[in-house]
Amino acid sequence: MGKMPDWLLQNLGVCGRDLLHRWMGTLDYRIAYYDPDVDPALPDCRRRRLYIFWHEYITFYLYQRHHCRLAMMLSKHRDADVLEKIARLTGFGAVRGSTRRGGAEAILGMIKQQERDWHLTITPDGPRGPRRKMAPGSVYIASQLQIPIIAVGIGYDRPWRLSTWDRFAIPRPGSRARTIPSSEIFVPPNLSRAGIDYYTRKVESLLNRLTADAEEWAEKGYSVEGECSMQPGPKNGILYFARQRAAELSPSPGAENLEEFQSQHQ
């Protein structure tokens, strides 16, 4: 199958963007922070960061953090052409490629986006899985660029699931959507292959914990101390955020040193 005509790609992108905003706009969004300064929607979020979340929840970030100086890595497969168009129409940058398969081109693209003073975002189990298994590219990029990772746990209340490799989540209209971003996670510069594998497993474990908590929070609908509502797009006004979470949520936040984090919570 050849390349999709530009006019068709544009129209599909516009339709996809409009559907995304109408569907996702019906949800009830809440967020619990460890550190609100890591939110790319806020004017105080000046340091460049690398945001990661599982592929099945990509619609959440496309809707909630549009026009927030975020560049997203997307697959080079033709089936991601429409997704790239939707991302660009919602104010995201896009870099095509994969960090799994010798993604030197993709990594260079991410470096160029970082030089533009944009944040970076990757779904570290994409584009083909395995589901919720993190590829090493995110840690490699963070190590080379010396930018902190933010692991973003996301959950919907009993979403519909597609029979895809990632069990892609489609939220029910009007349902709850919850998210728990970690604090900054720093990895050492110029890691060896063994070091990259080590930190990849550590960050993967943290992301899975945050995701499980966000999913439980969304499904059960209990209150979390200091939680606040979440609105899409960049914010310029004075906002008040929680720096604590209720005792119901058990996993630990990101830490400046992941070895310290793991030793405290094994």
C-alpha atoms as a PDB file:
ATOM      1  CA  MET A   1       0.000   0.000   0.000  1.00  0.00           C
ATOM      2  CA  GLY A   2       1.396   3.374  -1.050  1.00  0.00           C
ATOM      3  CA  LYS A   3       1.617   6.593   0.882  1.00  0.00           C
ATOM      4  CA  MET A   4      -1.710   8.150   1.839  1.00  0.00           C
ATOM      5  CA  PRO A   5      -2.563  11.262  -0.219  1.00  0.00           C
ATOM      6  CA  ASP A   6      -1.917  14.495   1.666  1.00  0.00           C
ATOM      7  CA  TRP A   7      -5.510  15.687   1.352  1.00  0.00           C
ATOM      8  CA  LEU A   8      -6.823  12.451   2.860  1.00  0.00           C
ATOM      9  CA  LEU A   9      -4.238  12.511   5.641  1.00  0.00           C
ATOM     10  CA  GLN A  10      -5.155  16.102   6.491  1.00  0.00           C
ATOM     11  CA  ASN A  11      -8.874  15.354   6.601  1.00  0.00           C
ATOM     12  CA  LEU A  12      -8.382  12.235   8.722  1.00  0.00           C
ATOM     13  CA  GLY A  13      -6.170  14.226  11.061  1.00  0.00           C
ATOM     14  CA  VAL A  14      -8.764  16.970  11.485  1.00  0.00           C
ATOM     15  CA  CYS A  15     -11.531  14.425  12.076  1.00  0.00           C
ATOM     16  CA  GLY A  16      -9.348  12.533  14.551  1.00  0.00           C
ATOM     17  CA  ARG A  17      -8.458  15.710  16.432  1.00  0.00           C
ATOM     18  CA  ASP A  18     -12.107  16.786  16.667  1.00  0.00           C
ATOM     19  CA  LEU A  19     -13.214  13.326  17.814  1.00  0.00           C
ATOM     20  CA  LEU A  20     -10.417  13.236  20.382  1.00  0.00           C
ATOM     21  CA  HIS A  21     -11.437  16.578  21.879  1.00  0.00           C
ATOM     22  CA  ARG A  22     -15.153  15.804  21.918  1.00  0.00           C
ATOM     23  CA  TRP A  23     -14.756  12.325  23.417  1.00  0.00           C
ATOM     24  CA  MET A  24     -11.993  13.072  25.903  1.00  0.00           C
ATOM     25  CA  GLY A  25     -13.670  16.339  26.862  1.00  0.00           C
ATOM     26  CA  THR A  26     -16.475  14.416  28.579  1.00  0.00           C
ATOM     27  CA  LEU A  27     -14.195  12.870  31.226  1.00  0.00           C
ATOM     28  CA  ASP A  28     -13.694  13.868  34.858  1.00  0.00           C
ATOM     29  CA  TYR A  29      -9.955  14.527  35.281  1.00  0.00           C
ATOM     30  CA  ARG A  30      -8.055  14.628  38.569  1.00  0.00           C
ATOM     31  CA  ILE A  31      -4.324  14.756  39.243  1.00  0.00           C
ATOM     32  CA  ALA A  32      -2.143  14.067  42.298  1.00  0.00           C
ATOM     33  CA  TYR A  33       1.360  15.528  42.289  1.00  0.00           C
ATOM     34  CA  TYR A  34       4.548  14.717  44.063  1.00  0.00           C
ATOM     35  CA  ASP A  35       5.911  17.946  42.619  1.00  0.00           C
ATOM     36  CA  PRO A  36       3.595  20.248  40.619  1.00  0.00           C
ATOM     37  CA  ASP A  37       6.578  22.002  39.027  1.00  0.00           C
ATOM     38  CA  VAL A  38       7.074  19.027  36.697  1.00  0.00           C
ATOM     39  CA  ASP A  39       3.747  19.651  34.908  1.00  0.00           C
ATOM     40  CA  PRO A  40       4.539  20.916  31.360  1.00  0.00           C
ATOM     41  CA  ALA A  41       1.284  22.901  31.366  1.00  0.00           C
ATOM     42  CA  LEU A  42       2.600  25.297  34.005  1.00  0.00           C
ATOM     43  CA  PRO A  43       4.725  28.393  33.343  1.00  0.00           C
ATOM     44  CA  ASP A  44       7.152  27.402  36.113  1.00  0.00           C
ATOM     45  CA  CYS A  45       8.010  24.176  34.263  1.00  0.00           C
ATOM     46  CA  ARG A  46      11.070  25.621  32.524  1.00  0.00           C
ATOM     47  CA  ARG A  47      13.583  22.792  32.771  1.00  0.00           C
ATOM     48  CA  ARG A  48      13.343  20.377  29.841  1.00  0.00           C
ATOM     49  CA  ARG A  49      12.130  16.938  30.829  1.00  0.00           C
ATOM     50  CA  LEU A  50      11.340  13.555  29.314  1.00  0.00           C
ATOM     51  CA  TYR A  51       7.781  12.366  30.020  1.00  0.00           C
ATOM     52  CA  ILE A  52       6.954   8.674  29.686  1.00  0.00           C
ATOM     53  CA  PHE A  53       3.650   6.801  29.913  1.00  0.00           C
ATOM     54  CA  TRP A  54       2.341   3.540  28.492  1.00  0.00           C
ATOM     55  CA  HIS A  55       1.192   3.435  24.871  1.00  0.00           C
ATOM     56  CA  GLU A  56      -2.369   2.401  25.735  1.00  0.00           C
ATOM     57  CA  TYR A  57      -2.986   5.822  27.312  1.00  0.00           C
ATOM     58  CA  ILE A  58      -1.623   8.043  24.545  1.00  0.00           C
ATOM     59  CA  THR A  59      -4.992   9.764  23.986  1.00  0.00           C
ATOM     60  CA  PHE A  60      -4.891  11.092  27.568  1.00  0.00           C
ATOM     61  CA  TYR A  61      -1.718  13.102  26.987  1.00  0.00           C
ATOM     62  CA  LEU A  62      -2.698  14.200  23.479  1.00  0.00           C
ATOM     63  CA  TYR A  63      -5.836  15.744  24.913  1.00  0.00           C
ATOM     64  CA  GLN A  64      -4.598  17.037  28.253  1.00  0.00           C
ATOM     65  CA  ARG A  65      -1.207  18.485  27.360  1.00  0.00           C
ATOM     66  CA  HIS A  66      -1.669  19.968  23.917  1.00  0.00           C
ATOM     67  CA  HIS A  67       0.320  23.117  23.059  1.00  0.00           C
ATOM     68  CA  CYS A  68       2.688  22.536  26.008  1.00  0.00           C
ATOM     69  CA  ARG A  69       5.992  22.443  24.085  1.00  0.00           C
ATOM     70  CA  LEU A  70       6.002  18.649  23.938  1.00  0.00           C
ATOM     71  CA  ALA A  71       7.602  16.630  21.151  1.00  0.00           C
ATOM     72  CA  MET A  72       6.361  13.041  20.869  1.00  0.00           C
ATOM     73  CA  MET A  73       8.204  10.079  19.392  1.00  0.00           C
ATOM     74  CA  LEU A  74       5.992   8.110  16.997  1.00  0.00           C
ATOM     75  CA  SER A  75       6.541   4.971  14.954  1.00  0.00           C
ATOM     76  CA  LYS A  76       7.772   5.202  11.347  1.00  0.00           C
ATOM     77  CA  HIS A  77       5.064   2.745  10.296  1.00  0.00           C
ATOM     78  CA  ARG A  78       2.408   4.103   7.942  1.00  0.00           C
ATOM     79  CA  ASP A  79      -0.286   3.401  10.517  1.00  0.00           C
ATOM     80  CA  ALA A  80       1.184   6.228  12.637  1.00  0.00           C
ATOM     81  CA  ASP A  81       0.805   8.828   9.850  1.00  0.00           C
ATOM     82  CA  VAL A  82      -2.663   9.826  11.013  1.00  0.00           C
ATOM     83  CA  LEU A  83      -1.538   9.903  14.638  1.00  0.00           C
ATOM     84  CA  GLU A  84       1.304  12.237  13.688  1.00  0.00           C
ATOM     85  CA  LYS A  85      -1.141  14.554  11.936  1.00  0.00           C
ATOM     86  CA  ILE A  86      -3.447  14.561  14.976  1.00  0.00           C
ATOM     87  CA  ALA A  87      -0.458  15.266  17.249  1.00  0.00           C
ATOM     88  CA  ARG A  88       0.703  18.202  15.139  1.00  0.00           C
ATOM     89  CA  LEU A  89      -2.832  19.609  14.886  1.00  0.00           C
ATOM     90  CA  THR A  90      -3.049  19.550  18.681  1.00  0.00           C
ATOM     91  CA  GLY A  91       0.224  21.437  19.118  1.00  0.00           C
ATOM     92  CA  PHE A  92       2.695  18.590  19.622  1.00  0.00           C
ATOM     93  CA  GLY A  93       5.977  18.211  17.848  1.00  0.00           C
ATOM     94  CA  ALA A  94       6.580  14.784  16.335  1.00  0.00           C
ATOM     95  CA  VAL A  95       9.682  12.679  15.782  1.00  0.00           C
ATOM     96  CA  ARG A  96       9.302   9.508  13.716  1.00  0.00           C
ATOM     97  CA  GLY A  97      11.236   6.398  14.611  1.00  0.00           C
ATOM     98  CA  SER A  98      11.805   3.863  17.369  1.00  0.00           C
ATOM     99  CA  THR A  99      14.399   3.592  20.096  1.00  0.00           C
ATOM    100  CA  ARG A 100      14.117  -0.207  19.887  1.00  0.00           C
ATOM    101  CA  ARG A 101      15.621  -0.796  16.466  1.00  0.00           C
ATOM    102  CA  GLY A 102      18.862   1.124  16.200  1.00  0.00           C
ATOM    103  CA  GLY A 103      16.904   4.338  16.451  1.00  0.00           C
ATOM    104  CA  ALA A 104      19.822   6.694  15.858  1.00  0.00           C
ATOM    105  CA  GLU A 105      17.701   8.826  13.529  1.00  0.00           C
ATOM    106  CA  ALA A 106      14.893   9.063  16.073  1.00  0.00           C
ATOM    107  CA  ILE A 107      17.289   9.906  18.895  1.00  0.00           C
ATOM    108  CA  LEU A 108      18.885  12.654  16.813  1.00  0.00           C
ATOM    109  CA  GLY A 109      15.408  13.987  16.145  1.00  0.00           C
ATOM    110  CA  MET A 110      14.669  14.071  19.858  1.00  0.00           C
ATOM    111  CA  ILE A 111      17.937  15.935  20.458  1.00  0.00           C
ATOM    112  CA  LYS A 112      16.904  18.566  17.896  1.00  0.00           C
ATOM    113  CA  GLN A 113      13.562  18.999  19.657  1.00  0.00           C
ATOM    114  CA  GLN A 114      15.370  19.374  22.966  1.00  0.00           C
ATOM    115  CA  GLU A 115      17.543  22.072  21.412  1.00  0.00           C
ATOM    116  CA  ARG A 116      14.330  23.939  20.566  1.00  0.00           C
ATOM    117  CA  ASP A 117      13.661  24.146  24.319  1.00  0.00           C
ATOM    118  CA  TRP A 118      10.839  21.593  24.030  1.00  0.00           C
ATOM    119  CA  HIS A 119      10.063  18.790  26.422  1.00  0.00           C
ATOM    120  CA  LEU A 120      10.175  15.241  25.074  1.00  0.00           C
ATOM    121  CA  THR A 121       7.662  12.444  25.472  1.00  0.00           C
ATOM    122  CA  ILE A 122       7.897   8.742  24.665  1.00  0.00           C
ATOM    123  CA  THR A 123       5.619   5.745  25.113  1.00  0.00           C
ATOM    124  CA  PRO A 124       8.422   3.388  26.143  1.00  0.00           C
ATOM    125  CA  ASP A 125       6.598   0.151  25.282  1.00  0.00           C
ATOM    126  CA  GLY A 126       5.661   1.331  21.781  1.00  0.00           C
ATOM    127  CA  PRO A 127       5.266   0.915  18.936  1.00  0.00           C
ATOM    128  CA  ARG A 128       4.840  -2.880  19.070  1.00  0.00           C
ATOM    129  CA  GLY A 129       5.262  -3.952  22.677  1.00  0.00           C
ATOM    130  CA  PRO A 130       5.487  -6.050  24.733  1.00  0.00           C
ATOM    131  CA  ARG A 131       2.847  -4.252  26.742  1.00  0.00           C
ATOM    132  CA  ARG A 132       4.180  -2.325  29.747  1.00  0.00           C
ATOM    133  CA  LYS A 133       7.730  -3.491  29.101  1.00  0.00           C
ATOM    134  CA  MET A 134      10.060  -0.547  28.782  1.00  0.00           C
ATOM    135  CA  ALA A 135      12.562  -0.299  25.933  1.00  0.00           C
ATOM    136  CA  PRO A 136      15.937   1.219  26.876  1.00  0.00           C
ATOM    137  CA  GLY A 137      15.672   4.252  24.586  1.00  0.00           C
ATOM    138  CA  SER A 138      14.126   6.574  27.172  1.00  0.00           C
ATOM    139  CA  VAL A 139      16.914   5.979  29.680  1.00  0.00           C
ATOM    140  CA  TYR A 140      19.544   6.293  26.936  1.00  0.00           C
ATOM    141  CA  ILE A 141      18.157   9.676  25.829  1.00  0.00           C
ATOM    142  CA  ALA A 142      17.897  10.925  29.423  1.00  0.00           C
ATOM    143  CA  SER A 143      21.476   9.829  30.079  1.00  0.00           C
ATOM    144  CA  GLN A 144      22.879  11.415  26.935  1.00  0.00           C
ATOM    145  CA  LEU A 145      20.967  14.702  27.225  1.00  0.00           C
ATOM    146  CA  GLN A 146      21.055  14.811  31.028  1.00  0.00           C
ATOM    147  CA  ILE A 147      17.378  15.632  31.344  1.00  0.00           C
ATOM    148  CA  PRO A 148      15.199  14.146  34.101  1.00  0.00           C
ATOM    149  CA  ILE A 149      12.540  11.539  33.407  1.00  0.00           C
ATOM    150  CA  ILE A 150       8.964  12.005  34.626  1.00  0.00           C
ATOM    151  CA  ALA A 151       7.045   8.727  34.862  1.00  0.00           C
ATOM    152  CA  VAL A 152       3.324   9.425  34.378  1.00  0.00           C
ATOM    153  CA  GLY A 153       0.827   6.920  35.735  1.00  0.00           C
ATOM    154  CA  ILE A 154      -2.566   7.168  33.995  1.00  0.00           C
ATOM    155  CA  GLY A 155      -5.822   5.330  34.577  1.00  0.00           C
ATOM    156  CA  TYR A 156      -9.461   5.321  33.432  1.00  0.00           C
ATOM    157  CA  ASP A 157     -12.484   3.920  35.210  1.00  0.00           C
ATOM    158  CA  ARG A 158     -13.124   0.505  33.606  1.00  0.00           C
ATOM    159  CA  PRO A 159     -12.313   1.546  30.027  1.00  0.00           C
ATOM    160  CA  TRP A 160     -13.136  -0.466  26.948  1.00  0.00           C
ATOM    161  CA  ARG A 161     -10.080  -2.360  25.726  1.00  0.00           C
ATOM    162  CA  LEU A 162      -9.115  -3.143  22.141  1.00  0.00           C
ATOM    163  CA  SER A 163      -7.651  -6.527  21.224  1.00  0.00           C
ATOM    164  CA  THR A 164      -4.317  -4.923  20.281  1.00  0.00           C
ATOM    165  CA  TRP A 165      -0.869  -5.716  21.663  1.00  0.00           C
ATOM    166  CA  ASP A 166      -1.217  -2.894  24.235  1.00  0.00           C
ATOM    167  CA  ARG A 167      -4.910  -3.494  25.042  1.00  0.00           C
ATOM    168  CA  PHE A 168      -5.463   0.108  23.994  1.00  0.00           C
ATOM    169  CA  ALA A 169      -7.744   1.902  26.465  1.00  0.00           C
ATOM    170  CA  ILE A 170     -10.875   3.726  25.286  1.00  0.00           C
ATOM    171  CA  PRO A 171     -12.462   5.601  28.188  1.00  0.00           C
ATOM    172  CA  ARG A 172     -16.211   5.456  28.670  1.00  0.00           C
ATOM    173  CA  PRO A 173     -17.837   8.855  28.059  1.00  0.00           C
ATOM    174  CA  GLY A 174     -18.265  10.785  31.299  1.00  0.00           C
ATOM    175  CA  SER A 175     -16.053   8.411  33.297  1.00  0.00           C
ATOM    176  CA  ARG A 176     -13.175   9.195  35.659  1.00  0.00           C
ATOM    177  CA  ALA A 177      -9.625   9.760  34.434  1.00  0.00           C
ATOM    178  CA  ARG A 178      -6.763   9.995  36.915  1.00  0.00           C
ATOM    179  CA  THR A 179      -3.043  10.651  36.646  1.00  0.00           C
ATOM    180  CA  ILE A 180      -0.064  10.566  39.016  1.00  0.00           C
ATOM    181  CA  PRO A 181       3.217  12.005  37.685  1.00  0.00           C
ATOM    182  CA  SER A 182       6.429  11.202  39.536  1.00  0.00           C
ATOM    183  CA  SER A 183       8.951  13.726  40.688  1.00  0.00           C
ATOM    184  CA  GLU A 184      12.133  14.066  38.654  1.00  0.00           C
ATOM    185  CA  ILE A 185      14.180  10.920  38.050  1.00  0.00           C
ATOM    186  CA  PHE A 186      17.830  11.551  37.286  1.00  0.00           C
ATOM    187  CA  VAL A 187      20.090   8.975  35.666  1.00  0.00           C
ATOM    188  CA  PRO A 188      23.881   9.239  35.408  1.00  0.00           C
ATOM    189  CA  PRO A 189      25.511  10.547  32.204  1.00  0.00           C
ATOM    190  CA  ASN A 190      27.003   8.274  29.539  1.00  0.00           C
ATOM    191  CA  LEU A 191      25.677   5.025  30.929  1.00  0.00           C
ATOM    192  CA  SER A 192      27.054   1.729  29.679  1.00  0.00           C
ATOM    193  CA  ARG A 193      24.701  -0.838  28.152  1.00  0.00           C
ATOM    194  CA  ALA A 194      24.529  -2.630  31.495  1.00  0.00           C
ATOM    195  CA  GLY A 195      23.772   0.661  33.249  1.00  0.00           C
ATOM    196  CA  ILE A 196      21.024   1.499  30.773  1.00  0.00           C
ATOM    197  CA  ASP A 197      19.424  -1.917  31.306  1.00  0.00           C
ATOM    198  CA  TYR A 198      19.622  -1.501  35.083  1.00  0.00           C
ATOM    199  CA  TYR A 199      17.941   1.914  35.146  1.00  0.00           C
ATOM    200  CA  THR A 200      15.397   0.844  32.526  1.00  0.00           C
ATOM    201  CA  ARG A 201      14.130  -1.884  34.844  1.00  0.00           C
ATOM    202  CA  LYS A 202      14.027   0.518  37.784  1.00  0.00           C
ATOM    203  CA  VAL A 203      12.025   3.135  35.895  1.00  0.00           C
ATOM    204  CA  GLU A 204       9.741   0.465  34.406  1.00  0.00           C
ATOM    205  CA  SER A 205       8.908  -0.755  37.911  1.00  0.00           C
ATOM    206  CA  LEU A 206       8.080   2.770  39.052  1.00  0.00           C
ATOM    207  CA  LEU A 207       5.914   3.498  36.000  1.00  0.00           C
ATOM    208  CA  ASN A 208       3.970   0.279  36.526  1.00  0.00           C
ATOM    209  CA  ARG A 209       3.377   1.182  40.171  1.00  0.00           C
ATOM    210  CA  LEU A 210       2.124   4.666  39.338  1.00  0.00           C
ATOM    211  CA  THR A 211      -0.094   3.285  36.571  1.00  0.00           C
ATOM    212  CA  ALA A 212      -1.610   0.668  38.866  1.00  0.00           C
ATOM    213  CA  ASP A 213      -2.363   3.340  41.462  1.00  0.00           C
ATOM    214  CA  ALA A 214      -3.913   5.705  38.917  1.00  0.00           C
ATOM    215  CA  GLU A 215      -6.093   2.877  37.598  1.00  0.00           C
ATOM    216  CA  GLU A 216      -7.238   1.926  41.095  1.00  0.00           C
ATOM    217  CA  TRP A 217      -7.957   5.572  41.941  1.00  0.00           C
ATOM    218  CA  ALA A 218     -10.010   5.973  38.758  1.00  0.00           C
ATOM    219  CA  GLU A 219     -11.963   2.764  39.253  1.00  0.00           C
ATOM    220  CA  LYS A 220     -12.770   3.174  42.950  1.00  0.00           C
ATOM    221  CA  GLY A 221     -13.299   6.927  42.841  1.00  0.00           C
ATOM    222  CA  TYR A 222     -12.061   7.660  46.358  1.00  0.00           C
ATOM    223  CA  SER A 223     -10.697  11.052  47.378  1.00  0.00           C
ATOM    224  CA  VAL A 224      -6.974  11.714  47.584  1.00  0.00           C
ATOM    225  CA  GLU A 225      -5.574  14.325  49.917  1.00  0.00           C
ATOM    226  CA  GLY A 226      -4.712  17.447  47.952  1.00  0.00           C
ATOM    227  CA  GLU A 227      -5.955  16.148  44.610  1.00  0.00           C
ATOM    228  CA  CYS A 228      -7.005  18.799  42.120  1.00  0.00           C
ATOM    229  CA  SER A 229      -8.897  19.023  38.883  1.00  0.00           C
ATOM    230  CA  MET A 230      -6.981  18.897  35.632  1.00  0.00           C
ATOM    231  CA  GLN A 231      -7.714  21.114  32.668  1.00  0.00           C
ATOM    232  CA  PRO A 232      -6.302  20.646  29.144  1.00  0.00           C
ATOM    233  CA  GLY A 233      -3.649  22.834  27.603  1.00  0.00           C
ATOM    234  CA  PRO A 234      -1.116  25.303  29.043  1.00  0.00           C
ATOM    235  CA  LYS A 235      -1.932  27.261  32.193  1.00  0.00           C
ATOM    236  CA  ASN A 236      -1.016  30.874  32.858  1.00  0.00           C
ATOM    237  CA  GLY A 237      -3.007  31.750  35.985  1.00  0.00           C
ATOM    238  CA  ILE A 238      -2.286  31.134  39.656  1.00  0.00           C
ATOM    239  CA  LEU A 239      -2.984  27.498  40.461  1.00  0.00           C
ATOM    240  CA  TYR A 240      -2.876  25.649  43.732  1.00  0.00           C
ATOM    241  CA  PHE A 241      -1.564  22.118  43.827  1.00  0.00           C
ATOM    242  CA  ALA A 242      -1.172  19.307  46.317  1.00  0.00           C
ATOM    243  CA  ARG A 243       2.240  18.070  47.329  1.00  0.00           C
ATOM    244  CA  GLN A 244       0.961  15.071  49.213  1.00  0.00           C
ATOM    245  CA  ARG A 245      -1.226  12.085  48.476  1.00  0.00           C
ATOM    246  CA  ALA A 246      -3.609  10.190  50.677  1.00  0.00           C
ATOM    247  CA  ALA A 247      -2.594   7.001  52.435  1.00  0.00           C
ATOM    248  CA  GLU A 248      -4.749   4.952  50.037  1.00  0.00           C
ATOM    249  CA  LEU A 249      -2.071   5.310  47.343  1.00  0.00           C
ATOM    250  CA  SER A 250       0.913   3.182  48.214  1.00  0.00           C
ATOM    251  CA  PRO A 251       3.672   3.354  45.560  1.00  0.00           C
ATOM    252  CA  SER A 252       6.599   5.655  45.944  1.00  0.00           C
ATOM    253  CA  PRO A 253       7.448   8.690  43.820  1.00  0.00           C
ATOM    254  CA  GLY A 254      10.373   9.192  41.541  1.00  0.00           C
ATOM    255  CA  ALA A 255      13.534  10.100  43.378  1.00  0.00           C
ATOM    256  CA  GLU A 256      16.646  11.993  42.410  1.00  0.00           C
ATOM    257  CA  ASN A 257      18.569   8.798  42.932  1.00  0.00           C
ATOM    258  CA  LEU A 258      16.766   5.620  41.899  1.00  0.00           C
ATOM    259  CA  GLU A 259      19.009   3.395  43.991  1.00  0.00           C
ATOM    260  CA  GLU A 260      17.924   5.343  47.085  1.00  0.00           C
ATOM    261  CA  PHE A 261      14.307   5.060  45.988  1.00  0.00           C
ATOM    262  CA  GLN A 262      14.502   1.291  45.538  1.00  0.00           C
ATOM    263  CA  SER A 263      16.355   0.710  48.804  1.00  0.00           C
ATOM    264  CA  GLN A 264      13.586   2.523  50.669  1.00  0.00           C
ATOM    265  CA  HIS A 265      10.761   0.575  49.083  1.00  0.00           C
ATOM    266  CA  GLN A 266      11.848  -2.994  48.496  1.00  0.00           C
END
